[in-house]
C-alpha atoms as a PDB file:
ATOM      1  CA  MET A   1     -32.727 -11.792  -8.904  1.00  0.00           C
ATOM      2  CA  LEU A   2     -29.761 -14.076  -9.550  1.00  0.00           C
ATOM      3  CA  MET A   3     -31.670 -15.845 -12.275  1.00  0.00           C
ATOM      4  CA  ALA A   4     -32.327 -12.518 -14.018  1.00  0.00           C
ATOM      5  CA  VAL A   5     -28.598 -11.709 -13.984  1.00  0.00           C
ATOM      6  CA  VAL A   6     -27.713 -15.150 -15.360  1.00  0.00           C
ATOM      7  CA  THR A   7     -30.379 -14.820 -18.045  1.00  0.00           C
ATOM      8  CA  TRP A   8     -29.138 -11.363 -19.037  1.00  0.00           C
ATOM      9  CA  LEU A   9     -25.514 -12.559 -19.151  1.00  0.00           C
ATOM     10  CA  SER A  10     -26.509 -15.428 -21.416  1.00  0.00           C
ATOM     11  CA  SER A  11     -28.066 -13.036 -23.938  1.00  0.00           C
ATOM     12  CA  THR A  12     -26.044 -11.593 -26.823  1.00  0.00           C
ATOM     13  CA  VAL A  13     -25.844  -8.144 -25.240  1.00  0.00           C
ATOM     14  CA  GLY A  14     -24.909  -9.618 -21.866  1.00  0.00           C
ATOM     15  CA  LYS A  15     -22.125 -11.701 -23.408  1.00  0.00           C
ATOM     16  CA  THR A  16     -20.741  -8.646 -25.200  1.00  0.00           C
ATOM     17  CA  VAL A  17     -20.835  -6.543 -22.043  1.00  0.00           C
ATOM     18  CA  ALA A  18     -19.196  -9.350 -20.062  1.00  0.00           C
ATOM     19  CA  LYS A  19     -16.411  -9.758 -22.662  1.00  0.00           C
ATOM     20  CA  TRP A  20     -15.667  -6.028 -22.732  1.00  0.00           C
ATOM     21  CA  GLY A  21     -15.802  -5.936 -18.951  1.00  0.00           C
ATOM     22  CA  VAL A  22     -13.121  -8.619 -18.795  1.00  0.00           C
ATOM     23  CA  VAL A  23     -11.007  -6.752 -21.376  1.00  0.00           C
ATOM     24  CA  VAL A  24     -11.283  -3.477 -19.444  1.00  0.00           C
ATOM     25  CA  ALA A  25     -10.538  -5.181 -16.123  1.00  0.00           C
ATOM     26  CA  THR A  26      -7.469  -6.904 -17.612  1.00  0.00           C
ATOM     27  CA  ALA A  27      -6.204  -3.651 -19.123  1.00  0.00           C
ATOM     28  CA  ALA A  28      -6.692  -1.875 -15.787  1.00  0.00           C
ATOM     29  CA  ALA A  29      -4.798  -4.631 -13.952  1.00  0.00           C
ATOM     30  CA  ILE A  30      -1.913  -4.467 -16.456  1.00  0.00           C
ATOM     31  CA  TYR A  31      -1.772  -0.669 -16.184  1.00  0.00           C
ATOM     32  CA  TRP A  32      -1.758  -0.876 -12.390  1.00  0.00           C
ATOM     33  CA  ARG A  33       1.126  -3.383 -12.402  1.00  0.00           C
ATOM     34  CA  ILE A  34       3.171  -1.131 -14.712  1.00  0.00           C
ATOM     35  CA  TYR A  35       2.385   1.912 -12.559  1.00  0.00           C
ATOM     36  CA  GLU A  36       3.422   0.144  -9.344  1.00  0.00           C
ATOM     37  CA  SER A  37       6.561  -1.217 -10.984  1.00  0.00           C
ATOM     38  CA  GLY A  38       7.638   2.283 -12.010  1.00  0.00           C
ATOM     39  CA  ARG A  39       6.817   3.616  -8.584  1.00  0.00           C
ATOM     40  CA  SER A  40       8.921   0.914  -6.919  1.00  0.00           C
ATOM     41  CA  ALA A  41      11.822   1.595  -9.271  1.00  0.00           C
ATOM     42  CA  GLU A  42      11.727   5.308  -8.456  1.00  0.00           C
ATOM     43  CA  LYS A  43      11.663   4.589  -4.720  1.00  0.00           C
ATOM     44  CA  ALA A  44      14.705   2.331  -5.129  1.00  0.00           C
ATOM     45  CA  ALA A  45      16.533   5.009  -7.108  1.00  0.00           C
ATOM     46  CA  GLU A  46      15.701   7.604  -4.455  1.00  0.00           C
ATOM     47  CA  ALA A  47      16.985   5.313  -1.720  1.00  0.00           C
ATOM     48  CA  GLN A  48      20.206   4.829  -3.696  1.00  0.00           C
ATOM     49  CA  ARG A  49      20.648   8.600  -4.057  1.00  0.00           C
ATOM     50  CA  ASP A  50      20.028   9.051  -0.332  1.00  0.00           C
ATOM     51  CA  ALA A  51      22.627   6.394   0.505  1.00  0.00           C
ATOM     52  CA  GLU A  52      25.184   8.081  -1.756  1.00  0.00           C
ATOM     53  CA  THR A  53      24.463  11.449  -0.167  1.00  0.00           C
ATOM     54  CA  ILE A  54      24.912  10.026   3.320  1.00  0.00           C
ATOM     55  CA  THR A  55      28.216   8.428   2.312  1.00  0.00           C
ATOM     56  CA  ARG A  56      29.456  11.675   0.783  1.00  0.00           C
ATOM     57  CA  ARG A  57      28.416  13.642   3.875  1.00  0.00           C
ATOM     58  CA  LYS A  58      30.244  11.200   6.181  1.00  0.00           C
ATOM     59  CA  THR A  59      33.375  11.487   4.021  1.00  0.00           C
ATOM     60  CA  VAL A  60      33.307  15.284   4.195  1.00  0.00           C
ATOM     61  CA  ASP A  61      32.641  15.234   7.945  1.00  0.00           C
ATOM     62  CA  GLU A  62      35.593  12.907   8.514  1.00  0.00           C
ATOM     63  CA  LYS A  63      37.819  15.110   6.350  1.00  0.00           C
ATOM     64  CA  VAL A  64      36.807  18.224   8.308  1.00  0.00           C
ATOM     65  CA  ASP A  65      37.339  16.416  11.614  1.00  0.00           C
ATOM     66  CA  ARG A  66      40.931  15.645  10.622  1.00  0.00           C
ATOM     67  CA  MET A  67      41.665  19.253   9.626  1.00  0.00           C
ATOM     68  CA  PRO A  68      43.209  21.627  12.180  1.00  0.00           C
ATOM     69  CA  ASP A  69      40.956  24.401  13.498  1.00  0.00           C
ATOM     70  CA  ALA A  70      42.840  27.139  11.651  1.00  0.00           C
ATOM     71  CA  ALA A  71      42.377  25.349   8.328  1.00  0.00           C
ATOM     72  CA  VAL A  72      38.658  24.927   8.991  1.00  0.00           C
ATOM     73  CA  ARG A  73      38.339  28.659   9.741  1.00  0.00           C
ATOM     74  CA  ASP A  74      40.205  29.489   6.518  1.00  0.00           C
ATOM     75  CA  GLN A  75      37.888  27.263   4.502  1.00  0.00           C
ATOM     76  CA  LEU A  76      34.795  28.778   6.128  1.00  0.00           C
ATOM     77  CA  ARG A  77      35.982  32.320   5.414  1.00  0.00           C
ATOM     78  CA  ARG A  78      35.713  31.539   1.710  1.00  0.00           C
ATOM     79  CA  TRP A  79      31.966  31.026   2.142  1.00  0.00           C
ATOM     80  CA  VAL A  80      31.265  34.224   4.107  1.00  0.00           C
ATOM     81  CA  ARG A  81      30.858  37.551   2.346  1.00  0.00           C
ATOM     82  CA  HIS A  82      32.824  40.457   3.738  1.00  0.00           C
ATOM     83  CA  ASP A  83      30.680  43.456   2.815  1.00  0.00           C
END
């Protein structure tokens, strides 16, 4: 069986198929590396956005904590509809 595969690969058709197989495999590997690189970059950007959101939320929470209760109620009344 192995000898038949080696014989076929040594023929003209076998060599052509083997060359194109290597080209296709190389192209697929390059595409996969580009795909994974983009995916990693997007994950890093998302993590950065999450970190900025957490920082902004902590800043707002600290600001609200320092405000007197009456001021907090006044601010919250702006967000509630009085129908």
